[in-house]
Amino acid sequence: MDDGQRRARAGDELTGEQRRVERRIAVALTITALCGIALFVVYFLGGQTQVEGALFAIALASLGWAVVLWAEKLLDAREVSEDRHELTSGPSGRQALEAALLEEAGPVLRSPRRSFLVKLLAGAGGALGLALFLPVLSLGPSPGRSLFETGWRKGKKVVDEEGKPVAFDELPDDGYMTVFPEGEVGRSDSQALLIKVPRGSLQLPADRLAAVPGGTHVAYSKICTHAGCPVGLYRTATRSLLCPCHQSQFDVLNGCKPYFGPAAEPLPQLPLSVDREGNLIADGDFYAPVGPSFWNRGKS
């Protein structure tokens, strides 16, 4: 038996103290794994911030304790110094490094108990690593197209807050009302303000003006483009809409563009037409996403 084999065999023979340390490490890693799993269970059962924080703290403390014990008690750490030499190493140098690594790590890799600890460490790290996904899961489901679409569709009847269809000749001059798509009364992102303005007063592009029945009935989203407050104050004298939250004002005759206050985007227009029964219907969804701006919203 050569010297290397004798050293490896001696390394495999653990002392009683090392065995006790291994058991402590195993317990600590088991606690880390269980706390990581429990953290996920608590989160999916509805979550409780204090409990989640305590579990995460215990898991980290146990993992840290296990690593410290492993480094101090089981690894043969010693200081070695040598003269400075060339940065490159030849075949003999590489062989010496391999032999040194095998001598240091060989007992750990060969021992069934140490191999079990390595696997337990990987399992504990994996269980704790799952906690890194919790912030992503807490963001909630992807909004998908929900920020770009409302309940309005081509052909949907325009109804009032009681669900009754709105006739073309129902509003008086400069009259206004809150309207919804049929079957969607109360839906917040679909509320619109229908306003009857004098014929010929609207300053809209030809395609937008074509979606104003009679050139008088125009509808805009009721959700302010600044902070999402309801814009429900219509001022007949200036034919403008006022948001009571932050005082943004919108020019109804000019596409509801903001001319005062913090709002930067106009209120999206709802295209309208009239059905055979003389009732107002939608000619599609709003021309632009409703509500405050978001990162991938284009210009209205």
C-alpha atoms as a PDB file:
ATOM      1  CA  MET A   1       0.000   0.000   0.000  1.00  0.00           C
ATOM      2  CA  ASP A   2       1.591   3.331  -1.065  1.00  0.00           C
ATOM      3  CA  ASP A   3       1.614   6.546   0.960  1.00  0.00           C
ATOM      4  CA  GLY A   4      -1.339   8.087  -0.912  1.00  0.00           C
ATOM      5  CA  GLN A   5      -3.578   5.084  -0.201  1.00  0.00           C
ATOM      6  CA  ARG A   6      -2.590   5.052   3.461  1.00  0.00           C
ATOM      7  CA  ARG A   7      -3.432   8.757   3.794  1.00  0.00           C
ATOM      8  CA  ALA A   8      -6.797   8.255   2.069  1.00  0.00           C
ATOM      9  CA  ARG A   9      -7.629   5.308   4.334  1.00  0.00           C
ATOM     10  CA  ALA A  10      -6.679   7.309   7.392  1.00  0.00           C
ATOM     11  CA  GLY A  11      -8.892  10.141   6.175  1.00  0.00           C
ATOM     12  CA  ASP A  12     -11.844   7.772   5.863  1.00  0.00           C
ATOM     13  CA  GLU A  13     -11.604   6.839   9.519  1.00  0.00           C
ATOM     14  CA  LEU A  14     -13.567   9.617  11.191  1.00  0.00           C
ATOM     15  CA  THR A  15     -13.212  10.534  14.828  1.00  0.00           C
ATOM     16  CA  GLY A  16     -16.146  10.622  17.193  1.00  0.00           C
ATOM     17  CA  GLU A  17     -16.047  14.414  17.183  1.00  0.00           C
ATOM     18  CA  GLN A  18     -16.259  14.513  13.361  1.00  0.00           C
ATOM     19  CA  ARG A  19     -19.250  12.201  13.400  1.00  0.00           C
ATOM     20  CA  ARG A  20     -21.023  14.470  15.876  1.00  0.00           C
ATOM     21  CA  VAL A  21     -20.243  17.453  13.674  1.00  0.00           C
ATOM     22  CA  GLU A  22     -21.662  15.612  10.651  1.00  0.00           C
ATOM     23  CA  ARG A  23     -24.893  14.963  12.522  1.00  0.00           C
ATOM     24  CA  ARG A  24     -25.161  18.641  13.450  1.00  0.00           C
ATOM     25  CA  ILE A  25     -24.596  19.650   9.840  1.00  0.00           C
ATOM     26  CA  ALA A  26     -27.224  17.155   8.682  1.00  0.00           C
ATOM     27  CA  VAL A  27     -29.730  18.558  11.198  1.00  0.00           C
ATOM     28  CA  ALA A  28     -28.990  22.148  10.142  1.00  0.00           C
ATOM     29  CA  LEU A  29     -29.364  21.367   6.430  1.00  0.00           C
ATOM     30  CA  THR A  30     -32.575  19.444   7.094  1.00  0.00           C
ATOM     31  CA  ILE A  31     -33.974  22.476   8.954  1.00  0.00           C
ATOM     32  CA  THR A  32     -33.019  24.693   6.001  1.00  0.00           C
ATOM     33  CA  ALA A  33     -34.778  22.401   3.526  1.00  0.00           C
ATOM     34  CA  LEU A  34     -37.918  22.107   5.670  1.00  0.00           C
ATOM     35  CA  CYS A  35     -38.089  25.875   6.222  1.00  0.00           C
ATOM     36  CA  GLY A  36     -37.712  26.479   2.485  1.00  0.00           C
ATOM     37  CA  ILE A  37     -40.579  24.098   1.725  1.00  0.00           C
ATOM     38  CA  ALA A  38     -42.699  25.540   4.546  1.00  0.00           C
ATOM     39  CA  LEU A  39     -42.097  29.030   3.185  1.00  0.00           C
ATOM     40  CA  PHE A  40     -43.625  28.018  -0.131  1.00  0.00           C
ATOM     41  CA  VAL A  41     -46.563  26.289   1.569  1.00  0.00           C
ATOM     42  CA  VAL A  42     -47.357  29.363   3.675  1.00  0.00           C
ATOM     43  CA  TYR A  43     -47.150  31.589   0.609  1.00  0.00           C
ATOM     44  CA  PHE A  44     -49.587  29.501  -1.437  1.00  0.00           C
ATOM     45  CA  LEU A  45     -52.000  29.181   1.487  1.00  0.00           C
ATOM     46  CA  GLY A  46     -52.496  32.928   1.424  1.00  0.00           C
ATOM     47  CA  GLY A  47     -49.255  34.180   2.933  1.00  0.00           C
ATOM     48  CA  GLN A  48     -48.399  35.718   6.274  1.00  0.00           C
ATOM     49  CA  THR A  49     -45.522  38.179   6.198  1.00  0.00           C
ATOM     50  CA  GLN A  50     -44.256  37.577   9.741  1.00  0.00           C
ATOM     51  CA  VAL A  51     -44.290  33.787   9.380  1.00  0.00           C
ATOM     52  CA  GLU A  52     -42.588  33.930   5.984  1.00  0.00           C
ATOM     53  CA  GLY A  53     -39.894  36.233   7.354  1.00  0.00           C
ATOM     54  CA  ALA A  54     -39.268  33.966  10.347  1.00  0.00           C
ATOM     55  CA  LEU A  55     -38.992  30.866   8.147  1.00  0.00           C
ATOM     56  CA  PHE A  56     -36.596  32.599   5.780  1.00  0.00           C
ATOM     57  CA  ALA A  57     -34.426  33.804   8.693  1.00  0.00           C
ATOM     58  CA  ILE A  58     -34.290  30.318  10.268  1.00  0.00           C
ATOM     59  CA  ALA A  59     -33.436  28.747   6.895  1.00  0.00           C
ATOM     60  CA  LEU A  60     -30.565  31.182   6.284  1.00  0.00           C
ATOM     61  CA  ALA A  61     -29.247  30.832   9.843  1.00  0.00           C
ATOM     62  CA  SER A  62     -29.299  27.023   9.634  1.00  0.00           C
ATOM     63  CA  LEU A  63     -27.574  27.025   6.267  1.00  0.00           C
ATOM     64  CA  GLY A  64     -24.912  29.422   7.525  1.00  0.00           C
ATOM     65  CA  TRP A  65     -24.318  27.335  10.657  1.00  0.00           C
ATOM     66  CA  ALA A  66     -23.927  24.176   8.566  1.00  0.00           C
ATOM     67  CA  VAL A  67     -21.407  25.816   6.220  1.00  0.00           C
ATOM     68  CA  VAL A  68     -19.356  27.210   9.115  1.00  0.00           C
ATOM     69  CA  LEU A  69     -19.254  23.824  10.898  1.00  0.00           C
ATOM     70  CA  TRP A  70     -18.258  22.089   7.681  1.00  0.00           C
ATOM     71  CA  ALA A  71     -15.455  24.566   6.993  1.00  0.00           C
ATOM     72  CA  GLU A  72     -14.077  24.617  10.549  1.00  0.00           C
ATOM     73  CA  LYS A  73     -14.466  21.005  11.639  1.00  0.00           C
ATOM     74  CA  LEU A  74     -14.360  18.792   8.562  1.00  0.00           C
ATOM     75  CA  LEU A  75     -12.004  20.495   6.108  1.00  0.00           C
ATOM     76  CA  ASP A  76      -8.280  20.153   6.684  1.00  0.00           C
ATOM     77  CA  ALA A  77      -7.455  23.844   6.323  1.00  0.00           C
ATOM     78  CA  ARG A  78      -3.861  24.963   6.889  1.00  0.00           C
ATOM     79  CA  GLU A  79      -1.646  27.777   5.707  1.00  0.00           C
ATOM     80  CA  VAL A  80       0.958  26.952   3.072  1.00  0.00           C
ATOM     81  CA  SER A  81       3.517  29.327   1.623  1.00  0.00           C
ATOM     82  CA  GLU A  82       6.055  28.861  -1.126  1.00  0.00           C
ATOM     83  CA  ASP A  83       8.472  30.874  -3.149  1.00  0.00           C
ATOM     84  CA  ARG A  84       7.207  32.864  -6.078  1.00  0.00           C
ATOM     85  CA  HIS A  85       7.488  30.973  -9.319  1.00  0.00           C
ATOM     86  CA  GLU A  86       6.439  31.304 -12.924  1.00  0.00           C
ATOM     87  CA  LEU A  87       2.770  31.892 -13.652  1.00  0.00           C
ATOM     88  CA  THR A  88       2.683  28.923 -15.993  1.00  0.00           C
ATOM     89  CA  SER A  89       2.735  25.355 -14.704  1.00  0.00           C
ATOM     90  CA  GLY A  90       4.073  22.316 -16.433  1.00  0.00           C
ATOM     91  CA  PRO A  91       2.811  18.749 -16.344  1.00  0.00           C
ATOM     92  CA  SER A  92       4.498  18.089 -13.016  1.00  0.00           C
ATOM     93  CA  GLY A  93       2.806  21.112 -11.466  1.00  0.00           C
ATOM     94  CA  ARG A  94      -0.632  20.033 -12.646  1.00  0.00           C
ATOM     95  CA  GLN A  95      -0.066  16.528 -11.330  1.00  0.00           C
ATOM     96  CA  ALA A  96       0.962  17.938  -7.980  1.00  0.00           C
ATOM     97  CA  LEU A  97      -2.205  20.062  -7.847  1.00  0.00           C
ATOM     98  CA  GLU A  98      -4.415  17.099  -8.686  1.00  0.00           C
ATOM     99  CA  ALA A  99      -2.704  15.021  -6.022  1.00  0.00           C
ATOM    100  CA  ALA A 100      -3.145  17.798  -3.439  1.00  0.00           C
ATOM    101  CA  LEU A 101      -6.842  18.218  -4.267  1.00  0.00           C
ATOM    102  CA  LEU A 102      -7.405  14.497  -4.075  1.00  0.00           C
ATOM    103  CA  GLU A 103      -5.630  14.351  -0.734  1.00  0.00           C
ATOM    104  CA  GLU A 104      -7.740  17.221   0.670  1.00  0.00           C
ATOM    105  CA  ALA A 105     -11.125  16.370  -0.820  1.00  0.00           C
ATOM    106  CA  GLY A 106     -10.749  12.628  -1.305  1.00  0.00           C
ATOM    107  CA  PRO A 107     -12.125  11.609   2.092  1.00  0.00           C
ATOM    108  CA  VAL A 108     -15.090  13.935   1.659  1.00  0.00           C
ATOM    109  CA  LEU A 109     -15.903  12.570  -1.778  1.00  0.00           C
ATOM    110  CA  ARG A 110     -15.326   8.920  -0.906  1.00  0.00           C
ATOM    111  CA  SER A 111     -17.034   8.808   2.473  1.00  0.00           C
ATOM    112  CA  PRO A 112     -20.686   7.705   2.167  1.00  0.00           C
ATOM    113  CA  ARG A 113     -21.553   9.986   5.071  1.00  0.00           C
ATOM    114  CA  ARG A 114     -19.859  12.992   3.496  1.00  0.00           C
ATOM    115  CA  SER A 115     -21.474  12.177   0.156  1.00  0.00           C
ATOM    116  CA  PHE A 116     -24.833  12.217   1.927  1.00  0.00           C
ATOM    117  CA  LEU A 117     -24.015  15.645   3.399  1.00  0.00           C
ATOM    118  CA  VAL A 118     -23.157  16.980  -0.058  1.00  0.00           C
ATOM    119  CA  LYS A 119     -26.513  15.789  -1.380  1.00  0.00           C
ATOM    120  CA  LEU A 120     -28.281  17.213   1.658  1.00  0.00           C
ATOM    121  CA  LEU A 121     -26.529  20.550   1.108  1.00  0.00           C
ATOM    122  CA  ALA A 122     -27.713  20.592  -2.515  1.00  0.00           C
ATOM    123  CA  GLY A 123     -31.275  19.791  -1.424  1.00  0.00           C
ATOM    124  CA  ALA A 124     -31.269  22.497   1.251  1.00  0.00           C
ATOM    125  CA  GLY A 125     -29.882  25.045  -1.187  1.00  0.00           C
ATOM    126  CA  GLY A 126     -32.509  24.082  -3.755  1.00  0.00           C
ATOM    127  CA  ALA A 127     -35.378  24.341  -1.279  1.00  0.00           C
ATOM    128  CA  LEU A 128     -34.150  27.713  -0.066  1.00  0.00           C
ATOM    129  CA  GLY A 129     -33.526  28.836  -3.645  1.00  0.00           C
ATOM    130  CA  LEU A 130     -37.238  28.438  -4.362  1.00  0.00           C
ATOM    131  CA  ALA A 131     -37.793  31.479  -2.153  1.00  0.00           C
ATOM    132  CA  LEU A 132     -36.133  33.590  -4.849  1.00  0.00           C
ATOM    133  CA  PHE A 133     -39.164  32.946  -7.055  1.00  0.00           C
ATOM    134  CA  LEU A 134     -41.644  34.332  -4.499  1.00  0.00           C
ATOM    135  CA  PRO A 135     -41.119  38.014  -5.452  1.00  0.00           C
ATOM    136  CA  VAL A 136     -41.831  37.121  -9.088  1.00  0.00           C
ATOM    137  CA  LEU A 137     -44.943  35.148  -8.154  1.00  0.00           C
ATOM    138  CA  SER A 138     -46.116  38.062  -6.002  1.00  0.00           C
ATOM    139  CA  LEU A 139     -46.323  40.257  -9.086  1.00  0.00           C
ATOM    140  CA  GLY A 140     -49.562  38.467  -9.933  1.00  0.00           C
ATOM    141  CA  PRO A 141     -50.760  37.192 -13.298  1.00  0.00           C
ATOM    142  CA  SER A 142     -49.645  38.837 -16.496  1.00  0.00           C
ATOM    143  CA  PRO A 143     -52.125  41.529 -17.583  1.00  0.00           C
ATOM    144  CA  GLY A 144     -52.008  40.257 -21.149  1.00  0.00           C
ATOM    145  CA  ARG A 145     -54.273  42.382 -23.351  1.00  0.00           C
ATOM    146  CA  SER A 146     -56.465  43.550 -20.470  1.00  0.00           C
ATOM    147  CA  LEU A 147     -54.830  47.007 -20.404  1.00  0.00           C
ATOM    148  CA  PHE A 148     -55.528  47.480 -24.114  1.00  0.00           C
ATOM    149  CA  GLU A 149     -59.101  46.205 -24.292  1.00  0.00           C
ATOM    150  CA  THR A 150     -62.391  47.065 -22.563  1.00  0.00           C
ATOM    151  CA  GLY A 151     -65.929  45.694 -22.749  1.00  0.00           C
ATOM    152  CA  TRP A 152     -66.776  47.678 -25.872  1.00  0.00           C
ATOM    153  CA  ARG A 153     -67.114  45.755 -29.131  1.00  0.00           C
ATOM    154  CA  LYS A 154     -68.472  46.627 -32.535  1.00  0.00           C
ATOM    155  CA  GLY A 155     -72.275  46.445 -32.457  1.00  0.00           C
ATOM    156  CA  LYS A 156     -72.611  46.601 -28.638  1.00  0.00           C
ATOM    157  CA  LYS A 157     -75.513  48.778 -27.560  1.00  0.00           C
ATOM    158  CA  VAL A 158     -74.810  51.918 -25.560  1.00  0.00           C
ATOM    159  CA  VAL A 159     -76.768  51.735 -22.288  1.00  0.00           C
ATOM    160  CA  ASP A 160     -77.185  54.070 -19.325  1.00  0.00           C
ATOM    161  CA  GLU A 161     -76.395  53.295 -15.689  1.00  0.00           C
ATOM    162  CA  GLU A 162     -79.687  51.380 -15.417  1.00  0.00           C
ATOM    163  CA  GLY A 163     -78.901  49.209 -18.436  1.00  0.00           C
ATOM    164  CA  LYS A 164     -81.408  50.900 -20.769  1.00  0.00           C
ATOM    165  CA  PRO A 165     -80.423  51.547 -24.403  1.00  0.00           C
ATOM    166  CA  VAL A 166     -79.654  55.177 -25.199  1.00  0.00           C
ATOM    167  CA  ALA A 167     -81.586  56.579 -28.177  1.00  0.00           C
ATOM    168  CA  PHE A 168     -79.906  58.983 -30.575  1.00  0.00           C
ATOM    169  CA  ASP A 169     -82.397  61.752 -29.793  1.00  0.00           C
ATOM    170  CA  GLU A 170     -82.423  61.198 -26.023  1.00  0.00           C
ATOM    171  CA  LEU A 171     -79.886  63.828 -24.992  1.00  0.00           C
ATOM    172  CA  PRO A 172     -80.661  67.579 -25.121  1.00  0.00           C
ATOM    173  CA  ASP A 173     -78.126  70.044 -26.511  1.00  0.00           C
ATOM    174  CA  ASP A 174     -74.995  70.060 -24.322  1.00  0.00           C
ATOM    175  CA  GLY A 175     -76.459  67.166 -22.368  1.00  0.00           C
ATOM    176  CA  TYR A 176     -74.234  64.339 -21.145  1.00  0.00           C
ATOM    177  CA  MET A 177     -74.470  61.029 -19.334  1.00  0.00           C
ATOM    178  CA  THR A 178     -72.338  58.102 -18.213  1.00  0.00           C
ATOM    179  CA  VAL A 179     -72.774  55.082 -20.473  1.00  0.00           C
ATOM    180  CA  PHE A 180     -71.598  51.465 -20.576  1.00  0.00           C
ATOM    181  CA  PRO A 181     -71.604  48.632 -23.112  1.00  0.00           C
ATOM    182  CA  GLU A 182     -74.689  46.447 -22.901  1.00  0.00           C
ATOM    183  CA  GLY A 183     -74.184  43.702 -20.326  1.00  0.00           C
ATOM    184  CA  GLU A 184     -71.197  45.484 -18.767  1.00  0.00           C
ATOM    185  CA  VAL A 185     -72.905  48.098 -16.587  1.00  0.00           C
ATOM    186  CA  GLY A 186     -70.573  49.115 -13.766  1.00  0.00           C
ATOM    187  CA  ARG A 187     -67.402  47.839 -15.422  1.00  0.00           C
ATOM    188  CA  SER A 188     -64.826  50.446 -14.448  1.00  0.00           C
ATOM    189  CA  ASP A 189     -62.605  50.369 -17.533  1.00  0.00           C
ATOM    190  CA  SER A 190     -65.614  50.596 -19.893  1.00  0.00           C
ATOM    191  CA  GLN A 191     -67.379  53.655 -18.505  1.00  0.00           C
ATOM    192  CA  ALA A 192     -67.642  56.491 -20.991  1.00  0.00           C
ATOM    193  CA  LEU A 193     -69.090  59.975 -21.021  1.00  0.00           C
ATOM    194  CA  LEU A 194     -71.548  60.604 -23.859  1.00  0.00           C
ATOM    195  CA  ILE A 195     -71.892  64.303 -24.736  1.00  0.00           C
ATOM    196  CA  LYS A 196     -74.100  66.041 -27.277  1.00  0.00           C
ATOM    197  CA  VAL A 197     -72.319  69.076 -28.740  1.00  0.00           C
ATOM    198  CA  PRO A 198     -73.474  71.576 -31.390  1.00  0.00           C
ATOM    199  CA  ARG A 199     -73.213  70.333 -34.957  1.00  0.00           C
ATOM    200  CA  GLY A 200     -70.039  71.483 -36.688  1.00  0.00           C
ATOM    201  CA  SER A 201     -68.222  72.405 -33.498  1.00  0.00           C
ATOM    202  CA  LEU A 202     -65.980  69.338 -33.247  1.00  0.00           C
ATOM    203  CA  GLN A 203     -62.361  69.699 -34.376  1.00  0.00           C
ATOM    204  CA  LEU A 204     -61.529  66.078 -35.106  1.00  0.00           C
ATOM    205  CA  PRO A 205     -59.752  64.233 -37.938  1.00  0.00           C
ATOM    206  CA  ALA A 206     -62.090  62.939 -40.633  1.00  0.00           C
ATOM    207  CA  ASP A 207     -61.887  59.311 -39.466  1.00  0.00           C
ATOM    208  CA  ARG A 208     -62.671  60.257 -35.861  1.00  0.00           C
ATOM    209  CA  LEU A 209     -65.461  62.599 -36.906  1.00  0.00           C
ATOM    210  CA  ALA A 210     -67.031  59.764 -38.917  1.00  0.00           C
ATOM    211  CA  ALA A 211     -67.503  57.903 -35.616  1.00  0.00           C
ATOM    212  CA  VAL A 212     -69.618  60.753 -34.185  1.00  0.00           C
ATOM    213  CA  PRO A 213     -73.295  60.150 -35.105  1.00  0.00           C
ATOM    214  CA  GLY A 214     -74.848  63.256 -36.588  1.00  0.00           C
ATOM    215  CA  GLY A 215     -71.639  65.131 -35.836  1.00  0.00           C
ATOM    216  CA  THR A 216     -73.086  65.779 -32.386  1.00  0.00           C
ATOM    217  CA  HIS A 217     -72.860  62.665 -30.187  1.00  0.00           C
ATOM    218  CA  VAL A 218     -69.280  62.147 -29.054  1.00  0.00           C
ATOM    219  CA  ALA A 219     -68.120  59.769 -26.319  1.00  0.00           C
ATOM    220  CA  TYR A 220     -64.867  59.685 -24.375  1.00  0.00           C
ATOM    221  CA  SER A 221     -63.477  57.437 -21.676  1.00  0.00           C
ATOM    222  CA  LYS A 222     -64.402  58.609 -18.222  1.00  0.00           C
ATOM    223  CA  ILE A 223     -61.063  57.493 -16.729  1.00  0.00           C
ATOM    224  CA  CYS A 224     -58.481  60.262 -16.356  1.00  0.00           C
ATOM    225  CA  THR A 225     -55.207  59.569 -18.132  1.00  0.00           C
ATOM    226  CA  HIS A 226     -53.244  60.987 -15.205  1.00  0.00           C
ATOM    227  CA  ALA A 227     -54.138  58.842 -12.186  1.00  0.00           C
ATOM    228  CA  GLY A 228     -57.291  56.984 -13.223  1.00  0.00           C
ATOM    229  CA  CYS A 229     -59.816  59.179 -11.402  1.00  0.00           C
ATOM    230  CA  PRO A 230     -63.344  59.480 -12.852  1.00  0.00           C
ATOM    231  CA  VAL A 231     -63.737  62.531 -15.071  1.00  0.00           C
ATOM    232  CA  GLY A 232     -67.379  63.432 -14.579  1.00  0.00           C
ATOM    233  CA  LEU A 233     -67.630  67.220 -14.537  1.00  0.00           C
ATOM    234  CA  TYR A 234     -68.721  68.720 -17.867  1.00  0.00           C
ATOM    235  CA  ARG A 235     -68.596  72.495 -18.183  1.00  0.00           C
ATOM    236  CA  THR A 236     -70.965  73.714 -20.861  1.00  0.00           C
ATOM    237  CA  ALA A 237     -69.489  77.208 -21.117  1.00  0.00           C
ATOM    238  CA  THR A 238     -66.086  75.947 -22.223  1.00  0.00           C
ATOM    239  CA  ARG A 239     -67.231  72.514 -23.397  1.00  0.00           C
ATOM    240  CA  SER A 240     -64.529  70.887 -21.352  1.00  0.00           C
ATOM    241  CA  LEU A 241     -64.233  68.020 -18.914  1.00  0.00           C
ATOM    242  CA  LEU A 242     -62.701  68.493 -15.474  1.00  0.00           C
ATOM    243  CA  CYS A 243     -61.076  65.831 -13.327  1.00  0.00           C
ATOM    244  CA  PRO A 244     -61.857  66.732  -9.706  1.00  0.00           C
ATOM    245  CA  CYS A 245     -58.849  64.853  -8.300  1.00  0.00           C
ATOM    246  CA  HIS A 246     -55.956  66.867  -9.726  1.00  0.00           C
ATOM    247  CA  GLN A 247     -57.776  69.497 -11.794  1.00  0.00           C
ATOM    248  CA  SER A 248     -56.815  68.221 -15.248  1.00  0.00           C
ATOM    249  CA  GLN A 249     -59.009  69.777 -17.927  1.00  0.00           C
ATOM    250  CA  PHE A 250     -59.783  68.323 -21.353  1.00  0.00           C
ATOM    251  CA  ASP A 251     -61.039  70.044 -24.483  1.00  0.00           C
ATOM    252  CA  VAL A 252     -64.113  68.068 -25.599  1.00  0.00           C
ATOM    253  CA  LEU A 253     -64.279  69.698 -29.038  1.00  0.00           C
ATOM    254  CA  ASN A 254     -60.617  68.996 -29.801  1.00  0.00           C
ATOM    255  CA  GLY A 255     -60.394  65.277 -29.114  1.00  0.00           C
ATOM    256  CA  CYS A 256     -60.446  65.738 -25.317  1.00  0.00           C
ATOM    257  CA  LYS A 257     -56.814  66.807 -25.328  1.00  0.00           C
ATOM    258  CA  PRO A 258     -55.593  68.062 -21.935  1.00  0.00           C
ATOM    259  CA  TYR A 259     -54.892  71.798 -21.750  1.00  0.00           C
ATOM    260  CA  PHE A 260     -54.484  72.208 -18.008  1.00  0.00           C
ATOM    261  CA  GLY A 261     -53.276  70.037 -15.133  1.00  0.00           C
ATOM    262  CA  PRO A 262     -50.955  67.013 -14.899  1.00  0.00           C
ATOM    263  CA  ALA A 263     -52.674  64.759 -17.466  1.00  0.00           C
ATOM    264  CA  ALA A 264     -50.474  64.301 -20.538  1.00  0.00           C
ATOM    265  CA  GLU A 265     -52.707  62.152 -22.762  1.00  0.00           C
ATOM    266  CA  PRO A 266     -56.182  62.901 -24.194  1.00  0.00           C
ATOM    267  CA  LEU A 267     -59.181  60.886 -23.062  1.00  0.00           C
ATOM    268  CA  PRO A 268     -59.642  58.054 -25.595  1.00  0.00           C
ATOM    269  CA  GLN A 269     -62.613  58.475 -27.922  1.00  0.00           C
ATOM    270  CA  LEU A 270     -65.235  55.746 -28.333  1.00  0.00           C
ATOM    271  CA  PRO A 271     -66.449  55.276 -31.930  1.00  0.00           C
ATOM    272  CA  LEU A 272     -70.250  55.301 -32.223  1.00  0.00           C
ATOM    273  CA  SER A 273     -72.971  54.701 -34.783  1.00  0.00           C
ATOM    274  CA  VAL A 274     -76.780  54.313 -34.811  1.00  0.00           C
ATOM    275  CA  ASP A 275     -78.655  51.040 -35.329  1.00  0.00           C
ATOM    276  CA  ARG A 276     -81.916  50.539 -37.218  1.00  0.00           C
ATOM    277  CA  GLU A 277     -83.920  51.149 -34.056  1.00  0.00           C
ATOM    278  CA  GLY A 278     -82.396  54.583 -33.580  1.00  0.00           C
ATOM    279  CA  ASN A 279     -80.270  53.560 -30.624  1.00  0.00           C
ATOM    280  CA  LEU A 280     -76.593  54.328 -30.222  1.00  0.00           C
ATOM    281  CA  ILE A 281     -74.184  51.414 -30.608  1.00  0.00           C
ATOM    282  CA  ALA A 282     -70.409  51.103 -30.426  1.00  0.00           C
ATOM    283  CA  ASP A 283     -68.442  50.896 -33.634  1.00  0.00           C
ATOM    284  CA  GLY A 284     -65.531  49.245 -31.838  1.00  0.00           C
ATOM    285  CA  ASP A 285     -63.407  49.690 -28.737  1.00  0.00           C
ATOM    286  CA  PHE A 286     -61.784  52.958 -27.660  1.00  0.00           C
ATOM    287  CA  TYR A 287     -59.205  54.249 -30.111  1.00  0.00           C
ATOM    288  CA  ALA A 288     -56.502  54.073 -27.416  1.00  0.00           C
ATOM    289  CA  PRO A 289     -55.955  52.240 -24.090  1.00  0.00           C
ATOM    290  CA  VAL A 290     -57.886  53.838 -21.254  1.00  0.00           C
ATOM    291  CA  GLY A 291     -56.512  55.102 -17.962  1.00  0.00           C
ATOM    292  CA  PRO A 292     -53.019  56.223 -16.915  1.00  0.00           C
ATOM    293  CA  SER A 293     -50.022  55.636 -19.138  1.00  0.00           C
ATOM    294  CA  PHE A 294     -48.006  52.430 -18.792  1.00  0.00           C
ATOM    295  CA  TRP A 295     -44.647  51.326 -20.151  1.00  0.00           C
ATOM    296  CA  ASN A 296     -45.722  49.906 -23.528  1.00  0.00           C
ATOM    297  CA  ARG A 297     -48.666  52.167 -24.240  1.00  0.00           C
ATOM    298  CA  GLY A 298     -48.314  54.126 -27.467  1.00  0.00           C
ATOM    299  CA  LYS A 299     -49.291  57.697 -28.033  1.00  0.00           C
ATOM    300  CA  SER A 300     -53.018  58.398 -28.446  1.00  0.00           C
END
